[in-house]
Amino acid sequence: MTSDEGRMDRRPAGMLEEEVLAALWAARSPLSPAEVQAELGSLAYTTVMTTLARLHRKGLATRQRVGRGFVYAPAVDEAAHTAQAMEDLLARRSDRAAVLAQFVSRLSTDDEQILQQLLREGDD
C-alpha cells in the first residue's frame, strides 16, 4: 500500500470522535470501551480507548469507574454539540453573512420553516 492509498482510507479529522459520540448518544446507559467497540465494528480496542479518553479530556464525555475499568457517557447532547460545532466553524470565517446566506439558501423547505419559527420565537 502506498502512502497515498493509506490516506484515502483515513477518516476526516474529528470523524472518529463523532462516531464514538454517536454510539454514546444512542446508548441508554454508559458504555465500556468494549461495548463502544462492538457498536462501531472494525476499530481496534486501543483506538476506542484512546478516543474515549480524548473525549473525556475535552469535556465531551463523562466517565465512571466500574470494577477495574471505566464506562463512558456523553457530557453534552447531540443538538448542543452540533450547535457548538456550527458556531465554532462560523467564528473562523471572515464573511459570516455570506456563510449564513449560503447555509440558508441550501435548507430544505421544512428546515427553512423550522428556522423561521425558531427566529420568531426568539423575538418574543
PDB file of N, CA and C in Angstrom:
ATOM      1  N   MET A   1       0.837  -1.168   0.000  1.00  0.00           N
ATOM      2  CA  MET A   1       0.000   0.000   0.000  1.00  0.00           C
ATOM      3  C   MET A   1       0.884   1.232   0.000  1.00  0.00           C
ATOM      4  N   THR A   2       0.629   2.186  -0.863  1.00  0.00           N
ATOM      5  CA  THR A   2       1.394   3.425  -0.876  1.00  0.00           C
ATOM      6  C   THR A   2       0.822   4.368   0.157  1.00  0.00           C
ATOM      7  N   SER A   3       1.569   5.407   0.463  1.00  0.00           N
ATOM      8  CA  SER A   3       1.086   6.367   1.455  1.00  0.00           C
ATOM      9  C   SER A   3      -0.161   7.075   0.938  1.00  0.00           C
ATOM     10  N   ASP A   4      -0.283   7.267  -0.376  1.00  0.00           N
ATOM     11  CA  ASP A   4      -1.486   7.892  -0.921  1.00  0.00           C
ATOM     12  C   ASP A   4      -2.707   7.014  -0.682  1.00  0.00           C
ATOM     13  N   GLU A   5      -2.544   5.697  -0.859  1.00  0.00           N
ATOM     14  CA  GLU A   5      -3.667   4.798  -0.624  1.00  0.00           C
ATOM     15  C   GLU A   5      -4.057   4.813   0.845  1.00  0.00           C
ATOM     16  N   GLY A   6      -3.097   4.861   1.729  1.00  0.00           N
ATOM     17  CA  GLY A   6      -3.362   4.896   3.156  1.00  0.00           C
ATOM     18  C   GLY A   6      -4.146   6.134   3.555  1.00  0.00           C
ATOM     19  N   ARG A   7      -3.823   7.258   2.934  1.00  0.00           N
ATOM     20  CA  ARG A   7      -4.539   8.490   3.236  1.00  0.00           C
ATOM     21  C   ARG A   7      -5.977   8.418   2.776  1.00  0.00           C
ATOM     22  N   MET A   8      -6.253   7.719   1.714  1.00  0.00           N
ATOM     23  CA  MET A   8      -7.611   7.632   1.198  1.00  0.00           C
ATOM     24  C   MET A   8      -8.502   6.833   2.154  1.00  0.00           C
ATOM     25  N   ASP A   9      -7.918   5.918   2.942  1.00  0.00           N
ATOM     26  CA  ASP A   9      -8.683   5.101   3.869  1.00  0.00           C
ATOM     27  C   ASP A   9      -8.915   5.801   5.203  1.00  0.00           C
ATOM     28  N   ARG A  10      -8.259   6.903   5.432  1.00  0.00           N
ATOM     29  CA  ARG A  10      -8.359   7.595   6.713  1.00  0.00           C
ATOM     30  C   ARG A  10      -9.652   8.380   6.805  1.00  0.00           C
ATOM     31  N   ARG A  11     -10.160   8.487   8.042  1.00  0.00           N
ATOM     32  CA  ARG A  11     -11.346   9.301   8.303  1.00  0.00           C
ATOM     33  C   ARG A  11     -10.945  10.772   8.280  1.00  0.00           C
ATOM     34  N   PRO A  12     -11.876  11.641   7.925  1.00  0.00           N
ATOM     35  CA  PRO A  12     -11.597  13.074   8.060  1.00  0.00           C
ATOM     36  C   PRO A  12     -11.359  13.414   9.536  1.00  0.00           C
ATOM     37  N   ALA A  13     -10.625  14.469   9.793  1.00  0.00           N
ATOM     38  CA  ALA A  13     -10.317  14.877  11.162  1.00  0.00           C
ATOM     39  C   ALA A  13     -11.593  15.026  11.974  1.00  0.00           C
ATOM     40  N   GLY A  14     -11.589  14.444  13.166  1.00  0.00           N
ATOM     41  CA  GLY A  14     -12.738  14.549  14.058  1.00  0.00           C
ATOM     42  C   GLY A  14     -13.836  13.527  13.823  1.00  0.00           C
ATOM     43  N   MET A  15     -13.795  12.799  12.722  1.00  0.00           N
ATOM     44  CA  MET A  15     -14.872  11.871  12.401  1.00  0.00           C
ATOM     45  C   MET A  15     -14.928  10.701  13.380  1.00  0.00           C
ATOM     46  N   LEU A  16     -13.794  10.209  13.815  1.00  0.00           N
ATOM     47  CA  LEU A  16     -13.786   9.098  14.764  1.00  0.00           C
ATOM     48  C   LEU A  16     -14.433   9.522  16.078  1.00  0.00           C
ATOM     49  N   GLU A  17     -14.104  10.700  16.554  1.00  0.00           N
ATOM     50  CA  GLU A  17     -14.726  11.198  17.778  1.00  0.00           C
ATOM     51  C   GLU A  17     -16.234  11.323  17.594  1.00  0.00           C
ATOM     52  N   GLU A  18     -16.659  11.784  16.431  1.00  0.00           N
ATOM     53  CA  GLU A  18     -18.096  11.907  16.155  1.00  0.00           C
ATOM     54  C   GLU A  18     -18.771  10.540  16.166  1.00  0.00           C
ATOM     55  N   GLU A  19     -18.117   9.535  15.616  1.00  0.00           N
ATOM     56  CA  GLU A  19     -18.686   8.183  15.597  1.00  0.00           C
ATOM     57  C   GLU A  19     -18.802   7.623  17.010  1.00  0.00           C
ATOM     58  N   VAL A  20     -17.796   7.856  17.829  1.00  0.00           N
ATOM     59  CA  VAL A  20     -17.834   7.374  19.207  1.00  0.00           C
ATOM     60  C   VAL A  20     -18.924   8.114  19.983  1.00  0.00           C
ATOM     61  N   LEU A  21     -19.017   9.422  19.796  1.00  0.00           N
ATOM     62  CA  LEU A  21     -20.085  10.184  20.452  1.00  0.00           C
ATOM     63  C   LEU A  21     -21.458   9.684  20.018  1.00  0.00           C
ATOM     64  N   ALA A  22     -21.619   9.383  18.744  1.00  0.00           N
ATOM     65  CA  ALA A  22     -22.904   8.877  18.258  1.00  0.00           C
ATOM     66  C   ALA A  22     -23.279   7.575  18.956  1.00  0.00           C
ATOM     67  N   ALA A  23     -22.297   6.711  19.190  1.00  0.00           N
ATOM     68  CA  ALA A  23     -22.563   5.463  19.913  1.00  0.00           C
ATOM     69  C   ALA A  23     -22.985   5.758  21.348  1.00  0.00           C
ATOM     70  N   LEU A  24     -22.338   6.732  21.979  1.00  0.00           N
ATOM     71  CA  LEU A  24     -22.704   7.096  23.349  1.00  0.00           C
ATOM     72  C   LEU A  24     -24.099   7.705  23.398  1.00  0.00           C
ATOM     73  N   TRP A  25     -24.426   8.578  22.421  1.00  0.00           N
ATOM     74  CA  TRP A  25     -25.754   9.192  22.390  1.00  0.00           C
ATOM     75  C   TRP A  25     -26.849   8.149  22.190  1.00  0.00           C
ATOM     76  N   ALA A  26     -26.563   7.133  21.405  1.00  0.00           N
ATOM     77  CA  ALA A  26     -27.568   6.110  21.101  1.00  0.00           C
ATOM     78  C   ALA A  26     -27.798   5.156  22.267  1.00  0.00           C
ATOM     79  N   ALA A  27     -26.848   5.083  23.175  1.00  0.00           N
ATOM     80  CA  ALA A  27     -26.945   4.140  24.293  1.00  0.00           C
ATOM     81  C   ALA A  27     -27.885   4.673  25.369  1.00  0.00           C
ATOM     82  N   ARG A  28     -28.528   3.760  26.053  1.00  0.00           N
ATOM     83  CA  ARG A  28     -29.430   4.135  27.148  1.00  0.00           C
ATOM     84  C   ARG A  28     -28.701   4.246  28.479  1.00  0.00           C
ATOM     85  N   SER A  29     -27.480   3.772  28.513  1.00  0.00           N
ATOM     86  CA  SER A  29     -26.685   3.826  29.736  1.00  0.00           C
ATOM     87  C   SER A  29     -25.221   3.948  29.338  1.00  0.00           C
ATOM     88  N   PRO A  30     -24.353   4.282  30.289  1.00  0.00           N
ATOM     89  CA  PRO A  30     -22.923   4.405  29.966  1.00  0.00           C
ATOM     90  C   PRO A  30     -22.380   3.108  29.366  1.00  0.00           C
ATOM     91  N   LEU A  31     -21.377   3.265  28.489  1.00  0.00           N
ATOM     92  CA  LEU A  31     -20.785   2.126  27.788  1.00  0.00           C
ATOM     93  C   LEU A  31     -19.318   1.959  28.150  1.00  0.00           C
ATOM     94  N   SER A  32     -18.890   0.718  28.195  1.00  0.00           N
ATOM     95  CA  SER A  32     -17.468   0.413  28.351  1.00  0.00           C
ATOM     96  C   SER A  32     -16.795   0.563  26.985  1.00  0.00           C
ATOM     97  N   PRO A  33     -15.478   0.676  26.951  1.00  0.00           N
ATOM     98  CA  PRO A  33     -14.794   0.714  25.658  1.00  0.00           C
ATOM     99  C   PRO A  33     -15.126  -0.505  24.787  1.00  0.00           C
ATOM    100  N   ALA A  34     -15.246  -1.674  25.393  1.00  0.00           N
ATOM    101  CA  ALA A  34     -15.573  -2.878  24.617  1.00  0.00           C
ATOM    102  C   ALA A  34     -16.960  -2.776  23.996  1.00  0.00           C
ATOM    103  N   GLU A  35     -17.900  -2.191  24.711  1.00  0.00           N
ATOM    104  CA  GLU A  35     -19.254  -2.016  24.167  1.00  0.00           C
ATOM    105  C   GLU A  35     -19.264  -1.006  23.025  1.00  0.00           C
ATOM    106  N   VAL A  36     -18.494   0.067  23.175  1.00  0.00           N
ATOM    107  CA  VAL A  36     -18.383   1.045  22.081  1.00  0.00           C
ATOM    108  C   VAL A  36     -17.746   0.379  20.868  1.00  0.00           C
ATOM    109  N   GLN A  37     -16.694  -0.396  21.100  1.00  0.00           N
ATOM    110  CA  GLN A  37     -16.026  -1.101  20.006  1.00  0.00           C
ATOM    111  C   GLN A  37     -17.012  -2.025  19.286  1.00  0.00           C
ATOM    112  N   ALA A  38     -17.841  -2.734  20.028  1.00  0.00           N
ATOM    113  CA  ALA A  38     -18.827  -3.636  19.420  1.00  0.00           C
ATOM    114  C   ALA A  38     -19.840  -2.856  18.587  1.00  0.00           C
ATOM    115  N   GLU A  39     -20.215  -1.676  19.048  1.00  0.00           N
ATOM    116  CA  GLU A  39     -21.163  -0.843  18.300  1.00  0.00           C
ATOM    117  C   GLU A  39     -20.565  -0.337  16.993  1.00  0.00           C
ATOM    118  N   LEU A  40     -19.281  -0.014  17.019  1.00  0.00           N
ATOM    119  CA  LEU A  40     -18.647   0.614  15.858  1.00  0.00           C
ATOM    120  C   LEU A  40     -18.037  -0.382  14.881  1.00  0.00           C
ATOM    121  N   GLY A  41     -17.798  -1.596  15.332  1.00  0.00           N
ATOM    122  CA  GLY A  41     -17.312  -2.603  14.403  1.00  0.00           C
ATOM    123  C   GLY A  41     -15.819  -2.733  14.331  1.00  0.00           C
ATOM    124  N   SER A  42     -15.224  -2.310  13.251  1.00  0.00           N
ATOM    125  CA  SER A  42     -13.859  -2.700  12.894  1.00  0.00           C
ATOM    126  C   SER A  42     -12.747  -1.870  13.529  1.00  0.00           C
ATOM    127  N   LEU A  43     -12.998  -1.179  14.608  1.00  0.00           N
ATOM    128  CA  LEU A  43     -11.940  -0.397  15.246  1.00  0.00           C
ATOM    129  C   LEU A  43     -11.184  -1.233  16.264  1.00  0.00           C
ATOM    130  N   ALA A  44      -9.921  -0.945  16.412  1.00  0.00           N
ATOM    131  CA  ALA A  44      -9.119  -1.605  17.433  1.00  0.00           C
ATOM    132  C   ALA A  44      -9.558  -1.110  18.812  1.00  0.00           C
ATOM    133  N   TYR A  45      -9.504  -2.000  19.778  1.00  0.00           N
ATOM    134  CA  TYR A  45      -9.887  -1.660  21.150  1.00  0.00           C
ATOM    135  C   TYR A  45      -9.082  -0.470  21.662  1.00  0.00           C
ATOM    136  N   THR A  46      -7.792  -0.455  21.395  1.00  0.00           N
ATOM    137  CA  THR A  46      -6.947   0.646  21.872  1.00  0.00           C
ATOM    138  C   THR A  46      -7.342   1.979  21.227  1.00  0.00           C
ATOM    139  N   THR A  47      -7.785   1.940  19.984  1.00  0.00           N
ATOM    140  CA  THR A  47      -8.245   3.160  19.312  1.00  0.00           C
ATOM    141  C   THR A  47      -9.493   3.698  20.003  1.00  0.00           C
ATOM    142  N   VAL A  48     -10.403   2.800  20.346  1.00  0.00           N
ATOM    143  CA  VAL A  48     -11.621   3.208  21.044  1.00  0.00           C
ATOM    144  C   VAL A  48     -11.273   3.783  22.417  1.00  0.00           C
ATOM    145  N   MET A  49     -10.392   3.118  23.148  1.00  0.00           N
ATOM    146  CA  MET A  49      -9.991   3.612  24.472  1.00  0.00           C
ATOM    147  C   MET A  49      -9.359   4.993  24.379  1.00  0.00           C
ATOM    148  N   THR A  50      -8.469   5.175  23.412  1.00  0.00           N
ATOM    149  CA  THR A  50      -7.803   6.463  23.236  1.00  0.00           C
ATOM    150  C   THR A  50      -8.808   7.551  22.890  1.00  0.00           C
ATOM    151  N   THR A  51      -9.756   7.227  22.026  1.00  0.00           N
ATOM    152  CA  THR A  51     -10.760   8.206  21.619  1.00  0.00           C
ATOM    153  C   THR A  51     -11.660   8.575  22.786  1.00  0.00           C
ATOM    154  N   LEU A  52     -12.081   7.595  23.575  1.00  0.00           N
ATOM    155  CA  LEU A  52     -12.907   7.878  24.749  1.00  0.00           C
ATOM    156  C   LEU A  52     -12.144   8.744  25.750  1.00  0.00           C
ATOM    157  N   ALA A  53     -10.881   8.457  25.967  1.00  0.00           N
ATOM    158  CA  ALA A  53     -10.065   9.267  26.887  1.00  0.00           C
ATOM    159  C   ALA A  53      -9.949  10.696  26.368  1.00  0.00           C
ATOM    160  N   ARG A  54      -9.773  10.850  25.081  1.00  0.00           N
ATOM    161  CA  ARG A  54      -9.686  12.189  24.474  1.00  0.00           C
ATOM    162  C   ARG A  54     -11.003  12.949  24.656  1.00  0.00           C
ATOM    163  N   LEU A  55     -12.128  12.275  24.432  1.00  0.00           N
ATOM    164  CA  LEU A  55     -13.435  12.916  24.611  1.00  0.00           C
ATOM    165  C   LEU A  55     -13.633  13.325  26.070  1.00  0.00           C
ATOM    166  N   HIS A  56     -13.159  12.496  26.989  1.00  0.00           N
ATOM    167  CA  HIS A  56     -13.254  12.833  28.404  1.00  0.00           C
ATOM    168  C   HIS A  56     -12.424  14.069  28.724  1.00  0.00           C
ATOM    169  N   ARG A  57     -11.188  14.121  28.225  1.00  0.00           N
ATOM    170  CA  ARG A  57     -10.324  15.292  28.454  1.00  0.00           C
ATOM    171  C   ARG A  57     -10.933  16.566  27.886  1.00  0.00           C
ATOM    172  N   LYS A  58     -11.636  16.463  26.775  1.00  0.00           N
ATOM    173  CA  LYS A  58     -12.264  17.624  26.140  1.00  0.00           C
ATOM    174  C   LYS A  58     -13.573  18.024  26.807  1.00  0.00           C
ATOM    175  N   GLY A  59     -14.036  17.229  27.762  1.00  0.00           N
ATOM    176  CA  GLY A  59     -15.293  17.535  28.436  1.00  0.00           C
ATOM    177  C   GLY A  59     -16.522  17.102  27.661  1.00  0.00           C
ATOM    178  N   LEU A  60     -16.343  16.269  26.647  1.00  0.00           N
ATOM    179  CA  LEU A  60     -17.463  15.810  25.836  1.00  0.00           C
ATOM    180  C   LEU A  60     -18.046  14.487  26.315  1.00  0.00           C
ATOM    181  N   ALA A  61     -17.317  13.810  27.205  1.00  0.00           N
ATOM    182  CA  ALA A  61     -17.799  12.547  27.771  1.00  0.00           C
ATOM    183  C   ALA A  61     -17.437  12.515  29.252  1.00  0.00           C
ATOM    184  N   THR A  62     -18.304  11.869  30.013  1.00  0.00           N
ATOM    185  CA  THR A  62     -18.013  11.633  31.420  1.00  0.00           C
ATOM    186  C   THR A  62     -17.573  10.185  31.566  1.00  0.00           C
ATOM    187  N   ARG A  63     -16.865   9.894  32.630  1.00  0.00           N
ATOM    188  CA  ARG A  63     -16.508   8.505  32.857  1.00  0.00           C
ATOM    189  C   ARG A  63     -16.669   8.183  34.340  1.00  0.00           C
ATOM    190  N   GLN A  64     -16.981   6.925  34.565  1.00  0.00           N
ATOM    191  CA  GLN A  64     -17.214   6.448  35.921  1.00  0.00           C
ATOM    192  C   GLN A  64     -16.521   5.102  36.055  1.00  0.00           C
ATOM    193  N   ARG A  65     -15.809   4.928  37.165  1.00  0.00           N
ATOM    194  CA  ARG A  65     -15.115   3.662  37.381  1.00  0.00           C
ATOM    195  C   ARG A  65     -16.135   2.574  37.704  1.00  0.00           C
ATOM    196  N   VAL A  66     -15.992   1.470  36.994  1.00  0.00           N
ATOM    197  CA  VAL A  66     -16.793   0.273  37.252  1.00  0.00           C
ATOM    198  C   VAL A  66     -15.811  -0.892  37.259  1.00  0.00           C
ATOM    199  N   GLY A  67     -15.630  -1.497  38.420  1.00  0.00           N
ATOM    200  CA  GLY A  67     -14.638  -2.560  38.526  1.00  0.00           C
ATOM    201  C   GLY A  67     -13.248  -1.992  38.295  1.00  0.00           C
ATOM    202  N   ARG A  68     -12.517  -2.629  37.390  1.00  0.00           N
ATOM    203  CA  ARG A  68     -11.157  -2.174  37.090  1.00  0.00           C
ATOM    204  C   ARG A  68     -11.104  -1.200  35.913  1.00  0.00           C
ATOM    205  N   GLY A  69     -12.226  -0.939  35.278  1.00  0.00           N
ATOM    206  CA  GLY A  69     -12.244  -0.065  34.119  1.00  0.00           C
ATOM    207  C   GLY A  69     -13.220   1.088  34.281  1.00  0.00           C
ATOM    208  N   PHE A  70     -13.544   1.711  33.158  1.00  0.00           N
ATOM    209  CA  PHE A  70     -14.453   2.849  33.145  1.00  0.00           C
ATOM    210  C   PHE A  70     -15.592   2.580  32.183  1.00  0.00           C
ATOM    211  N   VAL A  71     -16.717   3.250  32.457  1.00  0.00           N
ATOM    212  CA  VAL A  71     -17.797   3.345  31.488  1.00  0.00           C
ATOM    213  C   VAL A  71     -17.950   4.825  31.157  1.00  0.00           C
ATOM    214  N   TYR A  72     -18.394   5.096  29.954  1.00  0.00           N
ATOM    215  CA  TYR A  72     -18.451   6.464  29.443  1.00  0.00           C
ATOM    216  C   TYR A  72     -19.871   6.820  29.022  1.00  0.00           C
ATOM    217  N   ALA A  73     -20.201   8.095  29.209  1.00  0.00           N
ATOM    218  CA  ALA A  73     -21.489   8.631  28.782  1.00  0.00           C
ATOM    219  C   ALA A  73     -21.244  10.006  28.167  1.00  0.00           C
ATOM    220  N   PRO A  74     -22.131  10.449  27.295  1.00  0.00           N
ATOM    221  CA  PRO A  74     -21.930  11.784  26.722  1.00  0.00           C
ATOM    222  C   PRO A  74     -22.141  12.863  27.782  1.00  0.00           C
ATOM    223  N   ALA A  75     -21.317  13.892  27.751  1.00  0.00           N
ATOM    224  CA  ALA A  75     -21.451  15.018  28.675  1.00  0.00           C
ATOM    225  C   ALA A  75     -22.331  16.111  28.087  1.00  0.00           C
ATOM    226  N   VAL A  76     -22.531  16.065  26.791  1.00  0.00           N
ATOM    227  CA  VAL A  76     -23.384  17.033  26.092  1.00  0.00           C
ATOM    228  C   VAL A  76     -24.320  16.250  25.180  1.00  0.00           C
ATOM    229  N   ASP A  77     -25.487  16.830  24.916  1.00  0.00           N
ATOM    230  CA  ASP A  77     -26.384  16.142  23.994  1.00  0.00           C
ATOM    231  C   ASP A  77     -26.005  16.468  22.552  1.00  0.00           C
ATOM    232  N   GLU A  78     -26.564  15.704  21.645  1.00  0.00           N
ATOM    233  CA  GLU A  78     -26.188  15.823  20.240  1.00  0.00           C
ATOM    234  C   GLU A  78     -26.493  17.206  19.674  1.00  0.00           C
ATOM    235  N   ALA A  79     -27.647  17.765  20.023  1.00  0.00           N
ATOM    236  CA  ALA A  79     -28.024  19.078  19.496  1.00  0.00           C
ATOM    237  C   ALA A  79     -27.064  20.166  19.978  1.00  0.00           C
ATOM    238  N   ALA A  80     -26.727  20.156  21.260  1.00  0.00           N
ATOM    239  CA  ALA A  80     -25.813  21.162  21.798  1.00  0.00           C
ATOM    240  C   ALA A  80     -24.425  21.030  21.182  1.00  0.00           C
ATOM    241  N   HIS A  81     -23.966  19.795  21.017  1.00  0.00           N
ATOM    242  CA  HIS A  81     -22.651  19.562  20.417  1.00  0.00           C
ATOM    243  C   HIS A  81     -22.602  20.056  18.973  1.00  0.00           C
ATOM    244  N   THR A  82     -23.642  19.746  18.216  1.00  0.00           N
ATOM    245  CA  THR A  82     -23.691  20.164  16.812  1.00  0.00           C
ATOM    246  C   THR A  82     -23.778  21.675  16.700  1.00  0.00           C
ATOM    247  N   ALA A  83     -24.588  22.299  17.546  1.00  0.00           N
ATOM    248  CA  ALA A  83     -24.707  23.757  17.526  1.00  0.00           C
ATOM    249  C   ALA A  83     -23.371  24.412  17.845  1.00  0.00           C
ATOM    250  N   GLN A  84     -22.641  23.855  18.810  1.00  0.00           N
ATOM    251  CA  GLN A  84     -21.327  24.409  19.158  1.00  0.00           C
ATOM    252  C   GLN A  84     -20.351  24.270  17.989  1.00  0.00           C
ATOM    253  N   ALA A  85     -20.385  23.125  17.314  1.00  0.00           N
ATOM    254  CA  ALA A  85     -19.506  22.918  16.159  1.00  0.00           C
ATOM    255  C   ALA A  85     -19.831  23.923  15.045  1.00  0.00           C
ATOM    256  N   MET A  86     -21.117  24.165  14.826  1.00  0.00           N
ATOM    257  CA  MET A  86     -21.514  25.130  13.809  1.00  0.00           C
ATOM    258  C   MET A  86     -21.052  26.534  14.190  1.00  0.00           C
ATOM    259  N   GLU A  87     -21.209  26.880  15.460  1.00  0.00           N
ATOM    260  CA  GLU A  87     -20.771  28.190  15.936  1.00  0.00           C
ATOM    261  C   GLU A  87     -19.260  28.352  15.809  1.00  0.00           C
ATOM    262  N   ASP A  88     -18.510  27.308  16.164  1.00  0.00           N
ATOM    263  CA  ASP A  88     -17.051  27.353  16.046  1.00  0.00           C
ATOM    264  C   ASP A  88     -16.613  27.538  14.596  1.00  0.00           C
ATOM    265  N   LEU A  89     -17.248  26.821  13.691  1.00  0.00           N
ATOM    266  CA  LEU A  89     -16.919  26.936  12.273  1.00  0.00           C
ATOM    267  C   LEU A  89     -17.238  28.333  11.753  1.00  0.00           C
ATOM    268  N   LEU A  90     -18.391  28.848  12.100  1.00  0.00           N
ATOM    269  CA  LEU A  90     -18.789  30.180  11.659  1.00  0.00           C
ATOM    270  C   LEU A  90     -17.825  31.239  12.191  1.00  0.00           C
ATOM    271  N   ALA A  91     -17.357  31.078  13.412  1.00  0.00           N
ATOM    272  CA  ALA A  91     -16.446  32.054  14.016  1.00  0.00           C
ATOM    273  C   ALA A  91     -15.109  32.122  13.290  1.00  0.00           C
ATOM    274  N   ARG A  92     -14.746  31.060  12.580  1.00  0.00           N
ATOM    275  CA  ARG A  92     -13.458  31.038  11.866  1.00  0.00           C
ATOM    276  C   ARG A  92     -13.554  31.623  10.461  1.00  0.00           C
ATOM    277  N   ARG A  93     -14.705  32.070  10.046  1.00  0.00           N
ATOM    278  CA  ARG A  93     -14.882  32.602   8.698  1.00  0.00           C
ATOM    279  C   ARG A  93     -14.917  34.123   8.729  1.00  0.00           C
ATOM    280  N   SER A  94     -14.327  34.747   7.706  1.00  0.00           N
ATOM    281  CA  SER A  94     -14.243  36.206   7.689  1.00  0.00           C
ATOM    282  C   SER A  94     -15.551  36.862   7.267  1.00  0.00           C
ATOM    283  N   ASP A  95     -16.350  36.206   6.439  1.00  0.00           N
ATOM    284  CA  ASP A  95     -17.606  36.791   5.968  1.00  0.00           C
ATOM    285  C   ASP A  95     -18.777  35.944   6.473  1.00  0.00           C
ATOM    286  N   ARG A  96     -19.132  36.198   7.723  1.00  0.00           N
ATOM    287  CA  ARG A  96     -20.192  35.424   8.363  1.00  0.00           C
ATOM    288  C   ARG A  96     -21.513  35.544   7.604  1.00  0.00           C
ATOM    289  N   ALA A  97     -21.808  36.740   7.104  1.00  0.00           N
ATOM    290  CA  ALA A  97     -23.075  36.954   6.391  1.00  0.00           C
ATOM    291  C   ALA A  97     -23.151  36.076   5.148  1.00  0.00           C
ATOM    292  N   ALA A  98     -22.043  35.977   4.411  1.00  0.00           N
ATOM    293  CA  ALA A  98     -22.030  35.144   3.204  1.00  0.00           C
ATOM    294  C   ALA A  98     -22.216  33.670   3.558  1.00  0.00           C
ATOM    295  N   VAL A  99     -21.570  33.232   4.625  1.00  0.00           N
ATOM    296  CA  VAL A  99     -21.703  31.831   5.049  1.00  0.00           C
ATOM    297  C   VAL A  99     -23.137  31.543   5.454  1.00  0.00           C
ATOM    298  N   LEU A 100     -23.723  32.431   6.256  1.00  0.00           N
ATOM    299  CA  LEU A 100     -25.106  32.236   6.681  1.00  0.00           C
ATOM    300  C   LEU A 100     -26.065  32.268   5.496  1.00  0.00           C
ATOM    301  N   ALA A 101     -25.815  33.165   4.543  1.00  0.00           N
ATOM    302  CA  ALA A 101     -26.676  33.238   3.353  1.00  0.00           C
ATOM    303  C   ALA A 101     -26.602  31.938   2.561  1.00  0.00           C
ATOM    304  N   GLN A 102     -25.412  31.398   2.390  1.00  0.00           N
ATOM    305  CA  GLN A 102     -25.263  30.125   1.678  1.00  0.00           C
ATOM    306  C   GLN A 102     -25.949  28.991   2.434  1.00  0.00           C
ATOM    307  N   PHE A 103     -25.790  28.984   3.750  1.00  0.00           N
ATOM    308  CA  PHE A 103     -26.412  27.945   4.571  1.00  0.00           C
ATOM    309  C   PHE A 103     -27.930  27.989   4.425  1.00  0.00           C
ATOM    310  N   VAL A 104     -28.507  29.167   4.575  1.00  0.00           N
ATOM    311  CA  VAL A 104     -29.967  29.309   4.488  1.00  0.00           C
ATOM    312  C   VAL A 104     -30.463  28.953   3.095  1.00  0.00           C
ATOM    313  N   SER A 105     -29.708  29.305   2.067  1.00  0.00           N
ATOM    314  CA  SER A 105     -30.152  29.019   0.695  1.00  0.00           C
ATOM    315  C   SER A 105     -30.179  27.517   0.402  1.00  0.00           C
ATOM    316  N   ARG A 106     -29.478  26.736   1.192  1.00  0.00           N
ATOM    317  CA  ARG A 106     -29.409  25.284   0.973  1.00  0.00           C
ATOM    318  C   ARG A 106     -30.374  24.498   1.860  1.00  0.00           C
ATOM    319  N   LEU A 107     -31.103  25.183   2.716  1.00  0.00           N
ATOM    320  CA  LEU A 107     -32.041  24.492   3.597  1.00  0.00           C
ATOM    321  C   LEU A 107     -33.216  23.937   2.807  1.00  0.00           C
ATOM    322  N   SER A 108     -33.716  22.803   3.256  1.00  0.00           N
ATOM    323  CA  SER A 108     -34.953  22.274   2.673  1.00  0.00           C
ATOM    324  C   SER A 108     -36.104  23.187   3.096  1.00  0.00           C
ATOM    325  N   THR A 109     -37.209  23.077   2.437  1.00  0.00           N
ATOM    326  CA  THR A 109     -38.376  23.893   2.781  1.00  0.00           C
ATOM    327  C   THR A 109     -38.788  23.647   4.229  1.00  0.00           C
ATOM    328  N   ASP A 110     -38.788  22.396   4.647  1.00  0.00           N
ATOM    329  CA  ASP A 110     -39.156  22.075   6.032  1.00  0.00           C
ATOM    330  C   ASP A 110     -38.185  22.702   7.028  1.00  0.00           C
ATOM    331  N   ASP A 111     -36.879  22.588   6.759  1.00  0.00           N
ATOM    332  CA  ASP A 111     -35.890  23.176   7.666  1.00  0.00           C
ATOM    333  C   ASP A 111     -35.980  24.693   7.683  1.00  0.00           C
ATOM    334  N   GLU A 112     -36.273  25.290   6.537  1.00  0.00           N
ATOM    335  CA  GLU A 112     -36.425  26.746   6.476  1.00  0.00           C
ATOM    336  C   GLU A 112     -37.598  27.200   7.339  1.00  0.00           C
ATOM    337  N   GLN A 113     -38.703  26.459   7.293  1.00  0.00           N
ATOM    338  CA  GLN A 113     -39.865  26.797   8.123  1.00  0.00           C
ATOM    339  C   GLN A 113     -39.542  26.658   9.606  1.00  0.00           C
ATOM    340  N   ILE A 114     -38.809  25.616   9.954  1.00  0.00           N
ATOM    341  CA  ILE A 114     -38.399  25.434  11.351  1.00  0.00           C
ATOM    342  C   ILE A 114     -37.528  26.598  11.796  1.00  0.00           C
ATOM    343  N   LEU A 115     -36.570  26.979  10.965  1.00  0.00           N
ATOM    344  CA  LEU A 115     -35.684  28.095  11.301  1.00  0.00           C
ATOM    345  C   LEU A 115     -36.476  29.390  11.455  1.00  0.00           C
ATOM    346  N   GLN A 116     -37.406  29.650  10.560  1.00  0.00           N
ATOM    347  CA  GLN A 116     -38.221  30.868  10.663  1.00  0.00           C
ATOM    348  C   GLN A 116     -39.018  30.881  11.963  1.00  0.00           C
ATOM    349  N   GLN A 117     -39.591  29.737  12.329  1.00  0.00           N
ATOM    350  CA  GLN A 117     -40.347  29.660  13.573  1.00  0.00           C
ATOM    351  C   GLN A 117     -39.440  29.902  14.778  1.00  0.00           C
ATOM    352  N   LEU A 118     -38.262  29.295  14.773  1.00  0.00           N
ATOM    353  CA  LEU A 118     -37.329  29.491  15.884  1.00  0.00           C
ATOM    354  C   LEU A 118     -36.909  30.953  15.999  1.00  0.00           C
ATOM    355  N   LEU A 119     -36.708  31.607  14.861  1.00  0.00           N
ATOM    356  CA  LEU A 119     -36.342  33.028  14.900  1.00  0.00           C
ATOM    357  C   LEU A 119     -37.480  33.892  15.430  1.00  0.00           C
ATOM    358  N   ARG A 120     -38.712  33.553  15.060  1.00  0.00           N
ATOM    359  CA  ARG A 120     -39.874  34.290  15.581  1.00  0.00           C
ATOM    360  C   ARG A 120     -39.993  34.083  17.088  1.00  0.00           C
ATOM    361  N   GLU A 121     -39.793  32.865  17.550  1.00  0.00           N
ATOM    362  CA  GLU A 121     -39.873  32.579  18.984  1.00  0.00           C
ATOM    363  C   GLU A 121     -38.774  33.311  19.744  1.00  0.00           C
ATOM    364  N   GLY A 122     -37.613  33.465  19.129  1.00  0.00           N
ATOM    365  CA  GLY A 122     -36.515  34.184  19.760  1.00  0.00           C
ATOM    366  C   GLY A 122     -36.820  35.664  19.921  1.00  0.00           C
ATOM    367  N   ASP A 123     -37.663  36.217  19.033  1.00  0.00           N
ATOM    368  CA  ASP A 123     -38.036  37.618  19.108  1.00  0.00           C
ATOM    369  C   ASP A 123     -39.053  37.883  20.204  1.00  0.00           C
ATOM    370  N   ASP A 124     -39.751  36.858  20.640  1.00  0.00           N
ATOM    371  CA  ASP A 124     -40.807  37.023  21.668  1.00  0.00           C
ATOM    372  C   ASP A 124     -40.244  37.210  23.049  1.00  0.00           C
TER     373      ASP A 124
END
